[in-house]
Amino acid sequence: MAASPAGKEQSVDLGSLSLQQLTAVKKQLDDELEHLTNSFAKLRAAQAKFGDCIRSIKAGISSSTPGKMILVPLTSSLYVPGTLSHPNKAIVDVGTGFYVEKDSDDAEAFYKAKVDELGKNLKDLEGIVQSKSSNLRVIEDILRQKVISGSATTNPASHA
């Protein structure tokens, strides 16, 4: 499908496209699907990370007492020992390198909102992936039909 200048989609009769054009459309859809699938995986990983933050707040901060020993993450694989100075406070990464101190309930609500937002985005993206996959199957079917009909018309001529 091609977009018109007004931004509305126009339908194209896929059967009228050549094998070369269909192959190009199939490659474009394959590339789009790969990109969307990678994006889906990254969103899912981010959602899991925010879920881990919620669990950490519930288990590690809100029920703790001052002076409790904890491991503080410096990177995704490097932790250093520390002591909990305020059991009802958390430093929250709000994005692009900015951190904000929040009480544990506000921090938990912040991360819950992030998980919910990502869940909505994942659901939307899943619909797009399913639609693109369906389009890809249609194009693959038409390609198969054209190859079969093309070989059926060339085979009898080659036997003559």
N, C-alpha and C. Protein backbone atom coordinates (compact mmCIF):
# COMPACT_ATOMS: atom_id res chain seq x y z
N MET A 1 0.83 -1.18 0.00
CA MET A 1 0.00 0.00 0.00
C MET A 1 0.87 1.24 0.00
N ALA A 2 0.51 2.19 -0.82
CA ALA A 2 1.27 3.42 -0.90
C ALA A 2 0.45 4.56 -0.32
N ALA A 3 1.13 5.54 0.21
CA ALA A 3 0.44 6.68 0.80
C ALA A 3 0.27 7.75 -0.26
N SER A 4 -0.90 8.35 -0.28
CA SER A 4 -1.15 9.45 -1.20
C SER A 4 -0.58 10.73 -0.61
N PRO A 5 -0.50 11.80 -1.39
CA PRO A 5 0.04 13.05 -0.85
C PRO A 5 -0.74 13.56 0.37
N ALA A 6 -2.02 13.26 0.46
CA ALA A 6 -2.81 13.71 1.60
C ALA A 6 -2.57 12.85 2.83
N GLY A 7 -1.78 11.76 2.71
CA GLY A 7 -1.46 10.92 3.85
C GLY A 7 -2.40 9.73 4.00
N LYS A 8 -3.37 9.61 3.08
CA LYS A 8 -4.29 8.48 3.14
C LYS A 8 -3.70 7.32 2.36
N GLU A 9 -3.95 6.11 2.83
CA GLU A 9 -3.42 4.93 2.14
C GLU A 9 -4.26 4.63 0.92
N GLN A 10 -3.57 4.23 -0.15
CA GLN A 10 -4.23 3.77 -1.35
C GLN A 10 -3.98 2.28 -1.46
N SER A 11 -4.97 1.55 -1.93
CA SER A 11 -4.75 0.12 -2.06
C SER A 11 -4.16 -0.16 -3.44
N VAL A 12 -3.32 -1.16 -3.47
CA VAL A 12 -2.65 -1.57 -4.70
C VAL A 12 -3.00 -3.03 -4.93
N ASP A 13 -3.34 -3.36 -6.17
CA ASP A 13 -3.61 -4.75 -6.52
C ASP A 13 -2.28 -5.49 -6.56
N LEU A 14 -2.02 -6.28 -5.53
CA LEU A 14 -0.74 -6.98 -5.42
C LEU A 14 -0.53 -7.95 -6.57
N GLY A 15 -1.61 -8.48 -7.11
CA GLY A 15 -1.52 -9.41 -8.23
C GLY A 15 -0.97 -8.76 -9.49
N SER A 16 -1.10 -7.43 -9.58
CA SER A 16 -0.61 -6.74 -10.78
C SER A 16 0.87 -6.39 -10.69
N LEU A 17 1.48 -6.58 -9.54
CA LEU A 17 2.90 -6.27 -9.37
C LEU A 17 3.76 -7.38 -9.95
N SER A 18 4.94 -7.01 -10.42
CA SER A 18 5.87 -8.01 -10.94
C SER A 18 6.52 -8.76 -9.78
N LEU A 19 7.19 -9.86 -10.12
CA LEU A 19 7.91 -10.62 -9.09
C LEU A 19 8.94 -9.73 -8.40
N GLN A 20 9.64 -8.93 -9.17
CA GLN A 20 10.66 -8.05 -8.60
C GLN A 20 10.03 -7.03 -7.64
N GLN A 21 8.90 -6.45 -8.01
CA GLN A 21 8.22 -5.49 -7.13
C GLN A 21 7.70 -6.17 -5.87
N LEU A 22 7.12 -7.36 -6.04
CA LEU A 22 6.62 -8.10 -4.87
C LEU A 22 7.77 -8.47 -3.93
N THR A 23 8.90 -8.86 -4.50
CA THR A 23 10.06 -9.21 -3.68
C THR A 23 10.55 -7.99 -2.91
N ALA A 24 10.53 -6.83 -3.55
CA ALA A 24 10.95 -5.59 -2.87
C ALA A 24 9.99 -5.25 -1.73
N VAL A 25 8.70 -5.41 -1.96
CA VAL A 25 7.70 -5.14 -0.91
C VAL A 25 7.87 -6.14 0.23
N LYS A 26 8.12 -7.40 -0.11
CA LYS A 26 8.33 -8.43 0.92
C LYS A 26 9.56 -8.10 1.76
N LYS A 27 10.65 -7.66 1.11
CA LYS A 27 11.86 -7.31 1.85
C LYS A 27 11.59 -6.13 2.78
N GLN A 28 10.86 -5.14 2.30
CA GLN A 28 10.53 -3.99 3.13
C GLN A 28 9.72 -4.43 4.35
N LEU A 29 8.73 -5.29 4.15
CA LEU A 29 7.92 -5.78 5.27
C LEU A 29 8.76 -6.62 6.23
N ASP A 30 9.66 -7.44 5.69
CA ASP A 30 10.56 -8.23 6.55
C ASP A 30 11.40 -7.31 7.44
N ASP A 31 11.95 -6.25 6.83
CA ASP A 31 12.76 -5.29 7.59
C ASP A 31 11.94 -4.59 8.67
N GLU A 32 10.73 -4.16 8.29
CA GLU A 32 9.85 -3.50 9.26
C GLU A 32 9.51 -4.44 10.41
N LEU A 33 9.19 -5.68 10.08
CA LEU A 33 8.85 -6.66 11.12
C LEU A 33 10.02 -6.92 12.05
N GLU A 34 11.22 -7.00 11.49
CA GLU A 34 12.40 -7.21 12.33
C GLU A 34 12.59 -6.03 13.29
N HIS A 35 12.45 -4.82 12.77
CA HIS A 35 12.60 -3.62 13.61
C HIS A 35 11.51 -3.58 14.69
N LEU A 36 10.28 -3.87 14.31
CA LEU A 36 9.18 -3.84 15.28
C LEU A 36 9.34 -4.93 16.34
N THR A 37 9.82 -6.09 15.93
CA THR A 37 10.03 -7.18 16.88
C THR A 37 11.14 -6.83 17.87
N ASN A 38 12.20 -6.21 17.37
CA ASN A 38 13.27 -5.75 18.27
C ASN A 38 12.76 -4.69 19.24
N SER A 39 11.96 -3.77 18.73
CA SER A 39 11.37 -2.73 19.59
C SER A 39 10.48 -3.36 20.65
N PHE A 40 9.71 -4.36 20.25
CA PHE A 40 8.81 -5.06 21.18
C PHE A 40 9.63 -5.68 22.32
N ALA A 41 10.74 -6.33 21.95
CA ALA A 41 11.58 -6.98 22.96
C ALA A 41 12.19 -5.94 23.92
N LYS A 42 12.61 -4.80 23.37
CA LYS A 42 13.18 -3.75 24.21
C LYS A 42 12.14 -3.15 25.15
N LEU A 43 10.93 -2.95 24.66
CA LEU A 43 9.85 -2.44 25.52
C LEU A 43 9.51 -3.44 26.62
N ARG A 44 9.49 -4.71 26.26
CA ARG A 44 9.20 -5.76 27.24
C ARG A 44 10.29 -5.78 28.32
N ALA A 45 11.55 -5.62 27.92
CA ALA A 45 12.66 -5.60 28.88
C ALA A 45 12.56 -4.37 29.79
N ALA A 46 12.20 -3.23 29.23
CA ALA A 46 12.04 -2.02 30.04
C ALA A 46 10.89 -2.19 31.03
N GLN A 47 9.81 -2.81 30.58
CA GLN A 47 8.68 -3.06 31.47
C GLN A 47 9.09 -3.97 32.62
N ALA A 48 9.87 -4.99 32.32
CA ALA A 48 10.35 -5.90 33.37
C ALA A 48 11.27 -5.18 34.35
N LYS A 49 12.11 -4.29 33.83
CA LYS A 49 13.01 -3.51 34.68
C LYS A 49 12.22 -2.64 35.65
N PHE A 50 11.19 -1.97 35.15
CA PHE A 50 10.35 -1.14 36.02
C PHE A 50 9.59 -2.00 37.03
N GLY A 51 9.18 -3.19 36.61
CA GLY A 51 8.53 -4.13 37.54
C GLY A 51 9.49 -4.54 38.66
N ASP A 52 10.76 -4.75 38.29
CA ASP A 52 11.78 -5.06 39.30
C ASP A 52 11.95 -3.91 40.28
N CYS A 53 11.87 -2.69 39.78
CA CYS A 53 11.99 -1.51 40.65
C CYS A 53 10.85 -1.51 41.68
N ILE A 54 9.65 -1.83 41.23
CA ILE A 54 8.50 -1.87 42.15
C ILE A 54 8.73 -2.93 43.22
N ARG A 55 9.17 -4.12 42.79
CA ARG A 55 9.42 -5.20 43.76
C ARG A 55 10.53 -4.81 44.74
N SER A 56 11.55 -4.14 44.24
CA SER A 56 12.64 -3.71 45.13
C SER A 56 12.14 -2.72 46.17
N ILE A 57 11.31 -1.80 45.76
CA ILE A 57 10.77 -0.81 46.70
C ILE A 57 9.91 -1.51 47.75
N LYS A 58 9.05 -2.41 47.29
CA LYS A 58 8.16 -3.12 48.24
C LYS A 58 8.96 -3.98 49.21
N ALA A 59 9.94 -4.70 48.70
CA ALA A 59 10.67 -5.66 49.53
C ALA A 59 11.85 -5.05 50.28
N GLY A 60 12.52 -4.10 49.66
CA GLY A 60 13.77 -3.64 50.23
C GLY A 60 13.74 -2.33 50.96
N ILE A 61 12.82 -1.46 50.62
CA ILE A 61 12.88 -0.11 51.20
C ILE A 61 11.77 0.12 52.20
N SER A 62 10.54 -0.09 51.81
CA SER A 62 9.42 0.32 52.65
C SER A 62 9.37 -0.41 53.99
N SER A 63 9.87 -1.62 54.05
CA SER A 63 9.80 -2.37 55.31
C SER A 63 11.13 -2.36 56.07
N SER A 64 12.09 -1.58 55.60
CA SER A 64 13.43 -1.59 56.19
C SER A 64 13.57 -0.56 57.30
N THR A 65 14.64 -0.71 58.01
CA THR A 65 14.97 0.25 59.07
C THR A 65 16.24 0.98 58.69
N PRO A 66 16.43 2.21 59.19
CA PRO A 66 17.66 2.94 58.87
C PRO A 66 18.89 2.13 59.29
N GLY A 67 19.94 2.24 58.49
CA GLY A 67 21.19 1.55 58.78
C GLY A 67 21.27 0.15 58.19
N LYS A 68 20.20 -0.33 57.55
CA LYS A 68 20.20 -1.67 56.95
C LYS A 68 21.20 -1.69 55.79
N MET A 69 21.99 -2.76 55.70
CA MET A 69 22.95 -2.92 54.61
C MET A 69 22.19 -3.32 53.33
N ILE A 70 22.51 -2.65 52.24
CA ILE A 70 21.91 -2.96 50.93
C ILE A 70 23.00 -2.94 49.87
N LEU A 71 22.70 -3.49 48.71
CA LEU A 71 23.58 -3.40 47.55
C LEU A 71 23.02 -2.32 46.63
N VAL A 72 23.87 -1.36 46.28
CA VAL A 72 23.47 -0.24 45.43
C VAL A 72 23.99 -0.48 44.02
N PRO A 73 23.09 -0.50 43.02
CA PRO A 73 23.55 -0.75 41.65
C PRO A 73 24.25 0.49 41.06
N LEU A 74 25.47 0.29 40.57
CA LEU A 74 26.16 1.36 39.85
C LEU A 74 25.97 1.19 38.34
N THR A 75 25.96 -0.05 37.89
CA THR A 75 25.62 -0.39 36.50
C THR A 75 24.72 -1.61 36.58
N SER A 76 24.37 -2.16 35.42
CA SER A 76 23.49 -3.33 35.42
C SER A 76 24.15 -4.57 36.02
N SER A 77 25.49 -4.56 36.12
CA SER A 77 26.17 -5.73 36.66
C SER A 77 27.15 -5.41 37.80
N LEU A 78 27.19 -4.16 38.25
CA LEU A 78 28.11 -3.77 39.31
C LEU A 78 27.34 -3.16 40.47
N TYR A 79 27.49 -3.77 41.64
CA TYR A 79 26.82 -3.31 42.85
C TYR A 79 27.86 -3.04 43.92
N VAL A 80 27.59 -2.04 44.75
CA VAL A 80 28.47 -1.74 45.87
C VAL A 80 27.64 -1.77 47.15
N PRO A 81 28.27 -2.15 48.27
CA PRO A 81 27.51 -2.17 49.53
C PRO A 81 27.24 -0.74 50.00
N GLY A 82 26.10 -0.57 50.63
CA GLY A 82 25.72 0.72 51.19
C GLY A 82 24.80 0.52 52.37
N THR A 83 24.50 1.60 53.04
CA THR A 83 23.54 1.53 54.16
C THR A 83 22.35 2.41 53.84
N LEU A 84 21.20 1.95 54.26
CA LEU A 84 19.95 2.66 54.02
C LEU A 84 19.79 3.75 55.07
N SER A 85 19.83 5.00 54.62
CA SER A 85 19.74 6.09 55.59
C SER A 85 18.30 6.53 55.82
N HIS A 86 17.45 6.47 54.79
CA HIS A 86 16.04 6.84 54.93
C HIS A 86 15.18 5.71 54.36
N PRO A 87 14.56 4.90 55.21
CA PRO A 87 13.84 3.72 54.73
C PRO A 87 12.58 4.06 53.94
N ASN A 88 12.09 5.28 54.01
CA ASN A 88 10.87 5.62 53.29
C ASN A 88 11.15 6.52 52.09
N LYS A 89 12.40 6.62 51.67
CA LYS A 89 12.78 7.45 50.52
C LYS A 89 13.49 6.60 49.47
N ALA A 90 13.33 6.99 48.21
CA ALA A 90 14.01 6.31 47.11
C ALA A 90 14.47 7.36 46.11
N ILE A 91 15.59 7.10 45.48
CA ILE A 91 16.06 7.94 44.38
C ILE A 91 15.55 7.29 43.10
N VAL A 92 14.76 8.03 42.33
CA VAL A 92 14.09 7.50 41.15
C VAL A 92 14.71 8.11 39.90
N ASP A 93 15.09 7.25 38.96
CA ASP A 93 15.59 7.69 37.66
C ASP A 93 14.39 8.08 36.81
N VAL A 94 14.22 9.39 36.56
CA VAL A 94 13.07 9.85 35.79
C VAL A 94 13.41 10.01 34.31
N GLY A 95 14.61 9.62 33.92
CA GLY A 95 15.00 9.62 32.51
C GLY A 95 16.06 10.65 32.19
N THR A 96 16.78 10.39 31.13
CA THR A 96 17.86 11.24 30.60
C THR A 96 18.84 11.69 31.67
N GLY A 97 19.13 10.80 32.61
CA GLY A 97 20.14 11.09 33.62
C GLY A 97 19.67 11.93 34.79
N PHE A 98 18.39 12.16 34.92
CA PHE A 98 17.85 12.94 36.04
C PHE A 98 17.27 12.01 37.09
N TYR A 99 17.59 12.31 38.34
CA TYR A 99 17.11 11.51 39.46
C TYR A 99 16.35 12.43 40.42
N VAL A 100 15.28 11.88 41.00
CA VAL A 100 14.44 12.64 41.93
C VAL A 100 14.24 11.79 43.18
N GLU A 101 14.29 12.43 44.34
CA GLU A 101 14.00 11.71 45.58
C GLU A 101 12.49 11.70 45.78
N LYS A 102 11.96 10.52 46.03
CA LYS A 102 10.52 10.35 46.27
C LYS A 102 10.34 9.46 47.48
N ASP A 103 9.19 9.60 48.15
CA ASP A 103 8.92 8.63 49.21
C ASP A 103 8.54 7.32 48.54
N SER A 104 8.57 6.23 49.29
CA SER A 104 8.42 4.90 48.68
C SER A 104 7.08 4.73 47.98
N ASP A 105 6.00 5.31 48.50
CA ASP A 105 4.70 5.19 47.84
C ASP A 105 4.68 5.92 46.49
N ASP A 106 5.26 7.13 46.47
CA ASP A 106 5.31 7.89 45.21
C ASP A 106 6.22 7.21 44.19
N ALA A 107 7.33 6.65 44.65
CA ALA A 107 8.24 5.94 43.76
C ALA A 107 7.55 4.72 43.16
N GLU A 108 6.84 4.00 43.99
CA GLU A 108 6.11 2.82 43.51
C GLU A 108 5.04 3.23 42.50
N ALA A 109 4.31 4.32 42.77
CA ALA A 109 3.28 4.81 41.84
C ALA A 109 3.91 5.25 40.51
N PHE A 110 5.08 5.89 40.60
CA PHE A 110 5.79 6.33 39.39
C PHE A 110 6.12 5.13 38.50
N TYR A 111 6.70 4.10 39.11
CA TYR A 111 7.08 2.92 38.33
C TYR A 111 5.86 2.14 37.85
N LYS A 112 4.80 2.12 38.62
CA LYS A 112 3.57 1.45 38.19
C LYS A 112 3.01 2.15 36.95
N ALA A 113 3.03 3.49 36.95
CA ALA A 113 2.56 4.24 35.78
C ALA A 113 3.41 3.91 34.55
N LYS A 114 4.72 3.76 34.75
CA LYS A 114 5.61 3.40 33.65
C LYS A 114 5.28 2.01 33.11
N VAL A 115 5.05 1.06 34.02
CA VAL A 115 4.71 -0.31 33.61
C VAL A 115 3.39 -0.30 32.83
N ASP A 116 2.40 0.44 33.31
CA ASP A 116 1.11 0.51 32.64
C ASP A 116 1.22 1.15 31.26
N GLU A 117 1.99 2.24 31.17
CA GLU A 117 2.18 2.92 29.89
C GLU A 117 2.87 2.00 28.88
N LEU A 118 3.91 1.30 29.33
CA LEU A 118 4.59 0.37 28.45
C LEU A 118 3.68 -0.79 28.04
N GLY A 119 2.82 -1.23 28.96
CA GLY A 119 1.86 -2.28 28.63
C GLY A 119 0.93 -1.86 27.51
N LYS A 120 0.47 -0.61 27.57
CA LYS A 120 -0.40 -0.08 26.51
C LYS A 120 0.37 0.00 25.19
N ASN A 121 1.60 0.50 25.25
CA ASN A 121 2.42 0.59 24.04
C ASN A 121 2.70 -0.79 23.45
N LEU A 122 2.94 -1.77 24.32
CA LEU A 122 3.18 -3.14 23.85
C LEU A 122 1.95 -3.71 23.15
N LYS A 123 0.78 -3.42 23.71
CA LYS A 123 -0.46 -3.91 23.11
C LYS A 123 -0.66 -3.28 21.73
N ASP A 124 -0.42 -1.98 21.62
CA ASP A 124 -0.54 -1.30 20.33
C ASP A 124 0.47 -1.87 19.33
N LEU A 125 1.69 -2.05 19.78
CA LEU A 125 2.74 -2.57 18.90
C LEU A 125 2.44 -4.00 18.47
N GLU A 126 1.86 -4.78 19.36
CA GLU A 126 1.49 -6.15 19.02
C GLU A 126 0.47 -6.17 17.88
N GLY A 127 -0.49 -5.25 17.92
CA GLY A 127 -1.47 -5.15 16.84
C GLY A 127 -0.82 -4.80 15.51
N ILE A 128 0.16 -3.90 15.55
CA ILE A 128 0.86 -3.50 14.34
C ILE A 128 1.66 -4.68 13.79
N VAL A 129 2.33 -5.41 14.68
CA VAL A 129 3.13 -6.57 14.25
C VAL A 129 2.22 -7.62 13.62
N GLN A 130 1.06 -7.87 14.22
CA GLN A 130 0.14 -8.86 13.67
C GLN A 130 -0.35 -8.44 12.28
N SER A 131 -0.64 -7.14 12.13
CA SER A 131 -1.10 -6.63 10.85
C SER A 131 -0.01 -6.77 9.78
N LYS A 132 1.21 -6.40 10.13
CA LYS A 132 2.33 -6.51 9.18
C LYS A 132 2.59 -7.98 8.84
N SER A 133 2.48 -8.86 9.82
CA SER A 133 2.68 -10.30 9.58
C SER A 133 1.63 -10.82 8.62
N SER A 134 0.40 -10.38 8.80
CA SER A 134 -0.69 -10.79 7.91
C SER A 134 -0.42 -10.30 6.49
N ASN A 135 0.00 -9.04 6.36
CA ASN A 135 0.35 -8.50 5.04
C ASN A 135 1.48 -9.31 4.40
N LEU A 136 2.46 -9.67 5.20
CA LEU A 136 3.59 -10.44 4.69
C LEU A 136 3.14 -11.81 4.18
N ARG A 137 2.24 -12.47 4.93
CA ARG A 137 1.73 -13.77 4.48
C ARG A 137 1.00 -13.65 3.15
N VAL A 138 0.23 -12.58 2.98
CA VAL A 138 -0.50 -12.38 1.72
C VAL A 138 0.50 -12.21 0.58
N ILE A 139 1.52 -11.40 0.79
CA ILE A 139 2.52 -11.18 -0.25
C ILE A 139 3.26 -12.48 -0.57
N GLU A 140 3.60 -13.25 0.46
CA GLU A 140 4.28 -14.53 0.23
C GLU A 140 3.40 -15.48 -0.58
N ASP A 141 2.09 -15.50 -0.29
CA ASP A 141 1.17 -16.35 -1.05
C ASP A 141 1.11 -15.93 -2.52
N ILE A 142 1.03 -14.63 -2.76
CA ILE A 142 0.97 -14.14 -4.13
C ILE A 142 2.29 -14.44 -4.85
N LEU A 143 3.41 -14.27 -4.16
CA LEU A 143 4.71 -14.61 -4.75
C LEU A 143 4.75 -16.09 -5.15
N ARG A 144 4.29 -16.97 -4.24
CA ARG A 144 4.28 -18.41 -4.54
C ARG A 144 3.41 -18.70 -5.77
N GLN A 145 2.24 -18.07 -5.82
CA GLN A 145 1.34 -18.29 -6.95
C GLN A 145 1.98 -17.83 -8.26
N LYS A 146 2.64 -16.68 -8.22
CA LYS A 146 3.28 -16.17 -9.43
C LYS A 146 4.43 -17.07 -9.87
N VAL A 147 5.21 -17.56 -8.89
CA VAL A 147 6.33 -18.44 -9.23
C VAL A 147 5.80 -19.75 -9.82
N ILE A 148 4.76 -20.30 -9.20
CA ILE A 148 4.18 -21.56 -9.70
C ILE A 148 3.58 -21.36 -11.09
N SER A 149 2.80 -20.30 -11.26
CA SER A 149 2.19 -20.07 -12.57
C SER A 149 3.25 -19.72 -13.62
N GLY A 150 4.30 -19.03 -13.20
CA GLY A 150 5.40 -18.71 -14.11
C GLY A 150 6.15 -19.96 -14.53
N SER A 151 6.36 -20.88 -13.59
CA SER A 151 7.07 -22.11 -13.94
C SER A 151 6.17 -23.06 -14.73
N ALA A 152 4.87 -22.98 -14.52
CA ALA A 152 3.94 -23.83 -15.26
C ALA A 152 3.88 -23.39 -16.72
N THR A 153 4.01 -22.08 -16.96
CA THR A 153 3.97 -21.62 -18.34
C THR A 153 5.30 -21.80 -19.05
N THR A 154 6.40 -21.82 -18.30
CA THR A 154 7.70 -22.00 -18.94
C THR A 154 8.06 -23.47 -19.12
N ASN A 155 7.59 -24.35 -18.25
CA ASN A 155 7.94 -25.76 -18.34
C ASN A 155 7.43 -26.42 -19.62
N PRO A 156 6.13 -26.22 -20.01
CA PRO A 156 5.69 -26.86 -21.25
C PRO A 156 6.45 -26.35 -22.46
N ALA A 157 6.85 -25.10 -22.46
CA ALA A 157 7.58 -24.56 -23.60
C ALA A 157 8.98 -25.16 -23.66
N SER A 158 9.55 -25.44 -22.48
CA SER A 158 10.89 -26.00 -22.49
C SER A 158 10.89 -27.46 -22.92
N HIS A 159 9.73 -28.14 -22.82
CA HIS A 159 9.65 -29.54 -23.25
C HIS A 159 9.34 -29.66 -24.74
N ALA A 160 8.90 -28.57 -25.35
CA ALA A 160 8.51 -28.64 -26.75
C ALA A 160 9.68 -28.63 -27.69
